[in-house]
Amino acid sequence: DFATPRAVLTGHDYEITCAAICAELGLVISGSKEGPCLIHSMNGDLLRTLEGPERLQGPKSCLRPKLIQASREGHCVIYYENGLFCVFSVNGRLQATMETDDKIR
């Protein structure tokens, strides 16, 4: 038998650089090379767009997500290439930010 996809997730204009699945909440969170992170349902519905903080526009903008992790409590932590951590609720609200000079892997 051939495996078939459960859903096709759309919305990114560039290649996906990171993704996380939160099976407890039925969510898929993904980030692309040049764009915001998106939250989809497991059925493929686009639910939210996670935008970085507005204060970081320009060369230090929050555009390149590198790592994503979601919790069953409804929090999403995103680490961006520029050394910024952002915590979002699954409702798309930015809850906290923290900058670091350390290399995170």
N, C-alpha and C. Protein backbone atom coordinates (compact mmCIF):
# COMPACT_ATOMS: atom_id res chain seq x y z
N ASP A 1 0.82 -1.19 0.00
CA ASP A 1 0.00 0.00 0.00
C ASP A 1 0.87 1.25 0.00
N PHE A 2 0.36 2.29 -0.64
CA PHE A 2 1.05 3.57 -0.67
C PHE A 2 0.47 4.50 0.38
N ALA A 3 1.34 5.21 1.04
CA ALA A 3 0.88 6.18 2.03
C ALA A 3 0.35 7.42 1.31
N THR A 4 -0.74 7.95 1.80
CA THR A 4 -1.29 9.17 1.23
C THR A 4 -1.29 10.24 2.32
N PRO A 5 -1.10 11.49 1.93
CA PRO A 5 -1.09 12.55 2.94
C PRO A 5 -2.46 12.73 3.58
N ARG A 6 -2.45 13.04 4.85
CA ARG A 6 -3.69 13.31 5.56
C ARG A 6 -4.25 14.68 5.18
N ALA A 7 -3.34 15.63 4.94
CA ALA A 7 -3.75 16.98 4.55
C ALA A 7 -2.57 17.65 3.85
N VAL A 8 -2.88 18.61 3.02
CA VAL A 8 -1.86 19.44 2.38
C VAL A 8 -1.97 20.82 3.00
N LEU A 9 -0.86 21.28 3.58
CA LEU A 9 -0.84 22.57 4.26
C LEU A 9 -0.29 23.62 3.31
N THR A 10 -1.00 24.71 3.15
CA THR A 10 -0.59 25.76 2.24
C THR A 10 -0.48 27.08 2.99
N GLY A 11 0.21 28.04 2.37
CA GLY A 11 0.28 29.37 2.97
C GLY A 11 1.66 29.99 2.94
N HIS A 12 2.70 29.18 2.88
CA HIS A 12 4.05 29.72 2.82
C HIS A 12 4.44 30.03 1.38
N ASP A 13 5.21 31.10 1.20
CA ASP A 13 5.70 31.47 -0.13
C ASP A 13 7.11 30.94 -0.38
N TYR A 14 7.81 30.53 0.68
CA TYR A 14 9.18 30.06 0.57
C TYR A 14 9.31 28.70 1.25
N GLU A 15 10.49 28.10 1.13
CA GLU A 15 10.72 26.77 1.67
C GLU A 15 10.55 26.73 3.18
N ILE A 16 10.05 25.62 3.68
CA ILE A 16 9.85 25.41 5.11
C ILE A 16 11.20 25.11 5.76
N THR A 17 11.51 25.83 6.84
CA THR A 17 12.78 25.63 7.54
C THR A 17 12.61 24.90 8.86
N CYS A 18 11.41 24.91 9.42
CA CYS A 18 11.17 24.22 10.69
C CYS A 18 9.67 23.95 10.84
N ALA A 19 9.37 22.92 11.61
CA ALA A 19 7.97 22.57 11.84
C ALA A 19 7.85 21.80 13.14
N ALA A 20 6.68 21.87 13.74
CA ALA A 20 6.38 21.11 14.96
C ALA A 20 4.93 20.67 14.89
N ILE A 21 4.67 19.51 15.45
CA ILE A 21 3.32 18.97 15.51
C ILE A 21 2.93 18.84 16.98
N CYS A 22 1.78 19.36 17.32
CA CYS A 22 1.23 19.21 18.66
C CYS A 22 -0.03 18.37 18.53
N ALA A 23 0.14 17.06 18.68
CA ALA A 23 -0.98 16.13 18.48
C ALA A 23 -2.07 16.34 19.52
N GLU A 24 -1.70 16.75 20.74
CA GLU A 24 -2.69 16.95 21.80
C GLU A 24 -3.69 18.06 21.43
N LEU A 25 -3.21 19.08 20.76
CA LEU A 25 -4.08 20.19 20.35
C LEU A 25 -4.52 20.10 18.90
N GLY A 26 -3.97 19.13 18.15
CA GLY A 26 -4.34 18.97 16.75
C GLY A 26 -3.80 20.08 15.87
N LEU A 27 -2.56 20.53 16.15
CA LEU A 27 -1.98 21.66 15.43
C LEU A 27 -0.66 21.30 14.77
N VAL A 28 -0.39 21.96 13.65
CA VAL A 28 0.90 21.89 12.98
C VAL A 28 1.39 23.33 12.86
N ILE A 29 2.61 23.59 13.36
CA ILE A 29 3.18 24.93 13.31
C ILE A 29 4.42 24.86 12.43
N SER A 30 4.52 25.77 11.46
CA SER A 30 5.64 25.73 10.53
C SER A 30 6.18 27.12 10.28
N GLY A 31 7.47 27.17 9.97
CA GLY A 31 8.12 28.44 9.65
C GLY A 31 8.85 28.32 8.33
N SER A 32 8.86 29.39 7.56
CA SER A 32 9.53 29.35 6.26
C SER A 32 10.71 30.30 6.23
N LYS A 33 11.53 30.15 5.22
CA LYS A 33 12.78 30.89 5.08
C LYS A 33 12.60 32.40 5.14
N GLU A 34 11.59 32.93 4.53
CA GLU A 34 11.41 34.39 4.45
C GLU A 34 10.06 34.86 4.95
N GLY A 35 9.42 34.10 5.79
CA GLY A 35 8.09 34.55 6.15
C GLY A 35 7.69 34.17 7.55
N PRO A 36 6.50 34.54 7.91
CA PRO A 36 6.02 34.28 9.26
C PRO A 36 5.78 32.80 9.49
N CYS A 37 5.60 32.45 10.74
CA CYS A 37 5.22 31.08 11.09
C CYS A 37 3.70 30.97 10.99
N LEU A 38 3.24 29.80 10.60
CA LEU A 38 1.81 29.57 10.42
C LEU A 38 1.35 28.43 11.31
N ILE A 39 0.13 28.54 11.80
CA ILE A 39 -0.50 27.46 12.56
C ILE A 39 -1.63 26.90 11.73
N HIS A 40 -1.58 25.59 11.48
CA HIS A 40 -2.63 24.88 10.74
C HIS A 40 -3.27 23.85 11.65
N SER A 41 -4.50 23.51 11.35
CA SER A 41 -5.11 22.35 12.00
C SER A 41 -4.57 21.10 11.32
N MET A 42 -4.74 19.96 11.93
CA MET A 42 -4.29 18.70 11.33
C MET A 42 -5.08 18.38 10.06
N ASN A 43 -6.21 19.05 9.86
CA ASN A 43 -7.01 18.85 8.65
C ASN A 43 -6.54 19.73 7.51
N GLY A 44 -5.59 20.65 7.79
CA GLY A 44 -5.06 21.51 6.75
C GLY A 44 -5.58 22.92 6.74
N ASP A 45 -6.45 23.27 7.67
CA ASP A 45 -7.00 24.63 7.72
C ASP A 45 -5.97 25.59 8.32
N LEU A 46 -5.74 26.72 7.66
CA LEU A 46 -4.85 27.75 8.18
C LEU A 46 -5.60 28.50 9.29
N LEU A 47 -5.03 28.47 10.51
CA LEU A 47 -5.71 29.08 11.65
C LEU A 47 -5.14 30.43 12.04
N ARG A 48 -3.81 30.56 12.08
CA ARG A 48 -3.16 31.78 12.55
C ARG A 48 -1.84 32.02 11.84
N THR A 49 -1.43 33.28 11.86
CA THR A 49 -0.10 33.69 11.42
C THR A 49 0.60 34.28 12.63
N LEU A 50 1.81 33.82 12.91
CA LEU A 50 2.58 34.31 14.05
C LEU A 50 3.61 35.31 13.54
N GLU A 51 3.39 36.57 13.84
CA GLU A 51 4.29 37.64 13.42
C GLU A 51 5.22 37.99 14.57
N GLY A 52 6.48 38.26 14.26
CA GLY A 52 7.44 38.67 15.27
C GLY A 52 7.14 40.06 15.77
N PRO A 53 7.85 40.50 16.80
CA PRO A 53 7.59 41.83 17.36
C PRO A 53 7.87 42.94 16.36
N GLU A 54 7.01 43.96 16.35
CA GLU A 54 7.14 45.07 15.41
C GLU A 54 8.38 45.91 15.66
N ARG A 55 8.89 45.92 16.88
CA ARG A 55 10.05 46.75 17.21
C ARG A 55 11.32 46.29 16.51
N LEU A 56 11.29 45.11 15.95
CA LEU A 56 12.49 44.57 15.32
C LEU A 56 12.38 44.57 13.80
N GLN A 57 11.94 45.65 13.22
CA GLN A 57 11.89 45.76 11.76
C GLN A 57 13.26 46.13 11.23
N GLY A 58 13.48 45.90 9.96
CA GLY A 58 14.76 46.23 9.34
C GLY A 58 15.71 45.06 9.37
N PRO A 59 17.04 45.31 9.45
CA PRO A 59 18.01 44.23 9.34
C PRO A 59 17.92 43.20 10.46
N LYS A 60 17.38 43.58 11.61
CA LYS A 60 17.25 42.64 12.71
C LYS A 60 15.84 42.09 12.81
N SER A 61 15.13 42.13 11.71
CA SER A 61 13.74 41.71 11.74
C SER A 61 13.62 40.22 12.04
N CYS A 62 12.46 39.86 12.48
CA CYS A 62 12.16 38.52 12.96
C CYS A 62 11.57 37.69 11.82
N LEU A 63 12.35 37.44 10.78
CA LEU A 63 11.79 36.79 9.60
C LEU A 63 12.26 35.37 9.34
N ARG A 64 13.32 34.94 9.97
CA ARG A 64 13.88 33.63 9.63
C ARG A 64 13.81 32.66 10.81
N PRO A 65 12.69 31.98 10.97
CA PRO A 65 12.59 31.01 12.06
C PRO A 65 13.51 29.82 11.82
N LYS A 66 14.16 29.39 12.88
CA LYS A 66 15.12 28.29 12.79
C LYS A 66 14.62 27.05 13.53
N LEU A 67 14.01 27.25 14.69
CA LEU A 67 13.49 26.15 15.50
C LEU A 67 12.11 26.50 16.03
N ILE A 68 11.24 25.50 16.11
CA ILE A 68 9.90 25.69 16.66
C ILE A 68 9.61 24.53 17.61
N GLN A 69 8.98 24.84 18.72
CA GLN A 69 8.48 23.80 19.63
C GLN A 69 7.14 24.23 20.18
N ALA A 70 6.20 23.32 20.22
CA ALA A 70 4.86 23.61 20.73
C ALA A 70 4.60 22.74 21.96
N SER A 71 3.83 23.29 22.90
CA SER A 71 3.50 22.54 24.11
C SER A 71 2.02 22.19 24.11
N ARG A 72 1.66 21.20 24.87
CA ARG A 72 0.25 20.80 24.98
C ARG A 72 -0.57 21.82 25.75
N GLU A 73 0.13 22.74 26.44
CA GLU A 73 -0.57 23.82 27.17
C GLU A 73 -0.95 24.98 26.26
N GLY A 74 -0.52 24.94 25.01
CA GLY A 74 -0.91 25.99 24.07
C GLY A 74 0.12 27.09 23.89
N HIS A 75 1.39 26.79 24.16
CA HIS A 75 2.46 27.76 23.94
C HIS A 75 3.33 27.30 22.78
N CYS A 76 3.83 28.26 22.05
CA CYS A 76 4.71 27.97 20.92
C CYS A 76 5.97 28.82 21.09
N VAL A 77 7.12 28.15 21.16
CA VAL A 77 8.41 28.84 21.28
C VAL A 77 9.09 28.79 19.92
N ILE A 78 9.50 29.95 19.43
CA ILE A 78 10.18 30.03 18.14
C ILE A 78 11.53 30.68 18.36
N TYR A 79 12.57 30.05 17.83
CA TYR A 79 13.91 30.63 17.86
C TYR A 79 14.22 31.09 16.44
N TYR A 80 14.56 32.37 16.32
CA TYR A 80 14.86 32.96 15.03
C TYR A 80 16.37 33.03 14.81
N GLU A 81 16.77 33.05 13.56
CA GLU A 81 18.17 33.06 13.16
C GLU A 81 18.96 34.21 13.77
N ASN A 82 18.33 35.31 14.08
CA ASN A 82 19.02 36.48 14.63
C ASN A 82 19.23 36.40 16.14
N GLY A 83 18.94 35.24 16.77
CA GLY A 83 19.16 35.08 18.20
C GLY A 83 17.99 35.48 19.07
N LEU A 84 16.81 35.56 18.50
CA LEU A 84 15.63 35.98 19.25
C LEU A 84 14.72 34.79 19.52
N PHE A 85 14.31 34.64 20.78
CA PHE A 85 13.29 33.68 21.16
C PHE A 85 11.98 34.43 21.32
N CYS A 86 10.89 33.87 20.79
CA CYS A 86 9.56 34.44 20.99
C CYS A 86 8.64 33.33 21.49
N VAL A 87 7.79 33.68 22.44
CA VAL A 87 6.77 32.75 22.93
C VAL A 87 5.41 33.32 22.52
N PHE A 88 4.64 32.49 21.82
CA PHE A 88 3.31 32.86 21.36
C PHE A 88 2.28 31.93 22.00
N SER A 89 1.07 32.43 22.15
CA SER A 89 -0.04 31.55 22.48
C SER A 89 -0.53 30.96 21.16
N VAL A 90 -1.30 29.88 21.22
CA VAL A 90 -1.83 29.31 19.98
C VAL A 90 -2.88 30.22 19.36
N ASN A 91 -3.29 31.25 20.08
CA ASN A 91 -4.20 32.25 19.52
C ASN A 91 -3.45 33.31 18.73
N GLY A 92 -2.12 33.20 18.66
CA GLY A 92 -1.33 34.13 17.86
C GLY A 92 -0.81 35.32 18.63
N ARG A 93 -1.02 35.37 19.92
CA ARG A 93 -0.58 36.52 20.71
C ARG A 93 0.86 36.33 21.18
N LEU A 94 1.69 37.34 20.93
CA LEU A 94 3.08 37.33 21.39
C LEU A 94 3.08 37.55 22.89
N GLN A 95 3.67 36.60 23.64
CA GLN A 95 3.65 36.68 25.09
C GLN A 95 4.98 37.12 25.69
N ALA A 96 6.10 36.75 25.07
CA ALA A 96 7.40 37.12 25.62
C ALA A 96 8.46 37.02 24.54
N THR A 97 9.54 37.80 24.72
CA THR A 97 10.69 37.72 23.83
C THR A 97 11.96 37.72 24.67
N MET A 98 13.02 37.17 24.11
CA MET A 98 14.33 37.17 24.76
C MET A 98 15.40 37.06 23.69
N GLU A 99 16.41 37.90 23.76
CA GLU A 99 17.51 37.83 22.81
C GLU A 99 18.70 37.13 23.44
N THR A 100 19.46 36.41 22.61
CA THR A 100 20.66 35.72 23.08
C THR A 100 21.74 35.81 22.01
N ASP A 101 22.97 35.81 22.46
CA ASP A 101 24.11 35.77 21.53
C ASP A 101 24.64 34.35 21.37
N ASP A 102 24.10 33.40 22.12
CA ASP A 102 24.54 32.02 22.05
C ASP A 102 24.04 31.34 20.78
N LYS A 103 24.77 30.34 20.32
CA LYS A 103 24.36 29.53 19.17
C LYS A 103 23.45 28.42 19.67
N ILE A 104 22.22 28.39 19.23
CA ILE A 104 21.23 27.41 19.66
C ILE A 104 21.06 26.38 18.55
N ARG A 105 21.06 25.12 18.94
CA ARG A 105 20.87 24.02 17.96
C ARG A 105 19.80 23.09 18.43
